[in-house]
Amino acid sequence: MIYPPSILRLSIKGEGHRFGLWLPLVLIWPIFFVLALALSPLVLVTAAVLWPMGWGRPLLLAGPAIFRIFCSLRGLEINVQDESQIVYVHFR
């Protein structure tokens, strides 16, 4: 099983300035799960209404698909360089 990323590291370096930020994504997980739990009855009712039109199943599978994409971010590094600036993003 692939676990979701726990830390987002952001670093911006430019001429004369430098900015670094570590965001603990672990603190966002409980908020995400409470929000998903609160919206689940609405999603179930909407999926039941849209099932005859063929949109019910994709709606029900959208949540797990989004979570898999989020888990796949672990280890992603983005490094953008210009003549005067460097932006670095890393999911751990």
Protein backbone atom coordinates (compact mmCIF):
# COMPACT_ATOMS: atom_id res chain seq x y z
CA MET A 1 0.00 0.00 0.00
CA ILE A 2 1.22 3.47 -0.86
CA TYR A 3 0.83 5.95 1.98
CA PRO A 4 -0.05 9.60 1.34
CA PRO A 5 2.68 12.21 1.66
CA SER A 6 3.20 13.59 5.14
CA ILE A 7 5.30 16.71 4.48
CA LEU A 8 5.39 19.30 1.70
CA ARG A 9 8.68 21.16 1.35
CA LEU A 10 8.63 24.41 -0.61
CA SER A 11 11.75 26.44 -1.33
CA ILE A 12 11.98 29.65 -3.38
CA LYS A 13 15.35 31.26 -4.04
CA GLY A 14 15.80 34.49 -5.91
CA GLU A 15 18.16 37.40 -6.21
CA GLY A 16 18.68 38.62 -2.67
CA HIS A 17 15.91 36.60 -1.06
CA ARG A 18 15.27 33.05 0.02
CA PHE A 19 12.05 31.49 1.28
CA GLY A 20 11.61 28.01 2.68
CA LEU A 21 8.49 26.37 4.07
CA TRP A 22 7.74 22.93 5.48
CA LEU A 23 4.03 22.09 5.64
CA PRO A 24 2.99 19.05 7.69
CA LEU A 25 0.29 17.45 5.54
CA VAL A 26 -0.43 15.04 8.39
CA LEU A 27 -2.44 17.84 10.00
CA ILE A 28 -4.63 18.12 6.89
CA TRP A 29 -5.60 14.39 6.81
CA PRO A 30 -8.11 14.53 9.71
CA ILE A 31 -9.79 17.59 8.19
CA PHE A 32 -10.04 15.80 4.83
CA PHE A 33 -11.53 12.66 6.38
CA VAL A 34 -14.10 14.59 8.44
CA LEU A 35 -15.11 16.54 5.33
CA ALA A 36 -15.39 13.33 3.29
CA LEU A 37 -17.49 11.72 6.01
CA ALA A 38 -19.79 14.75 6.20
CA LEU A 39 -20.30 14.81 2.41
CA SER A 40 -20.79 11.06 1.99
CA PRO A 41 -24.62 11.12 2.43
CA LEU A 42 -24.89 13.84 -0.22
CA VAL A 43 -22.67 11.85 -2.59
CA LEU A 44 -24.71 8.67 -2.04
CA VAL A 45 -28.03 10.43 -2.73
CA THR A 46 -26.62 12.15 -5.80
CA ALA A 47 -25.19 8.86 -7.09
CA ALA A 48 -28.56 7.15 -6.60
CA VAL A 49 -30.31 9.91 -8.56
CA LEU A 50 -27.71 9.87 -11.36
CA TRP A 51 -27.41 6.07 -11.57
CA PRO A 52 -30.02 5.66 -14.37
CA MET A 53 -28.15 8.19 -16.51
CA GLY A 54 -24.84 6.35 -16.06
CA TRP A 55 -23.13 8.95 -13.82
CA GLY A 56 -23.69 7.19 -10.47
CA ARG A 57 -20.81 4.72 -10.65
CA PRO A 58 -18.16 7.30 -11.75
CA LEU A 59 -19.34 9.60 -8.95
CA LEU A 60 -18.90 6.85 -6.35
CA LEU A 61 -15.45 5.93 -7.68
CA ALA A 62 -14.20 9.54 -7.83
CA GLY A 63 -13.30 9.68 -4.11
CA PRO A 64 -11.00 6.63 -4.12
CA ALA A 65 -9.45 7.79 -7.42
CA ILE A 66 -8.62 11.21 -5.97
CA PHE A 67 -7.13 9.57 -2.87
CA ARG A 68 -4.94 7.30 -5.06
CA ILE A 69 -3.70 10.34 -6.99
CA PHE A 70 -2.91 12.11 -3.71
CA CYS A 71 -1.00 9.05 -2.46
CA SER A 72 0.97 8.95 -5.71
CA LEU A 73 2.39 12.40 -4.97
CA ARG A 74 4.75 10.90 -2.37
CA GLY A 75 8.31 11.31 -3.64
CA LEU A 76 7.38 13.86 -6.32
CA GLU A 77 10.00 16.56 -6.81
CA ILE A 78 9.44 19.68 -8.88
CA ASN A 79 12.46 21.87 -9.59
CA VAL A 80 11.95 24.94 -11.79
CA GLN A 81 14.95 27.13 -12.54
CA ASP A 82 15.27 30.48 -14.24
CA GLU A 83 18.22 32.84 -14.57
CA SER A 84 17.24 34.62 -11.38
CA GLN A 85 14.93 32.26 -9.45
CA ILE A 86 14.69 28.64 -8.33
CA VAL A 87 11.45 27.05 -7.12
CA TYR A 88 11.65 23.61 -5.49
CA VAL A 89 8.64 21.57 -4.33
CA HIS A 90 9.04 18.15 -2.71
CA PHE A 91 6.38 15.81 -1.30
CA ARG A 92 7.69 13.41 1.40
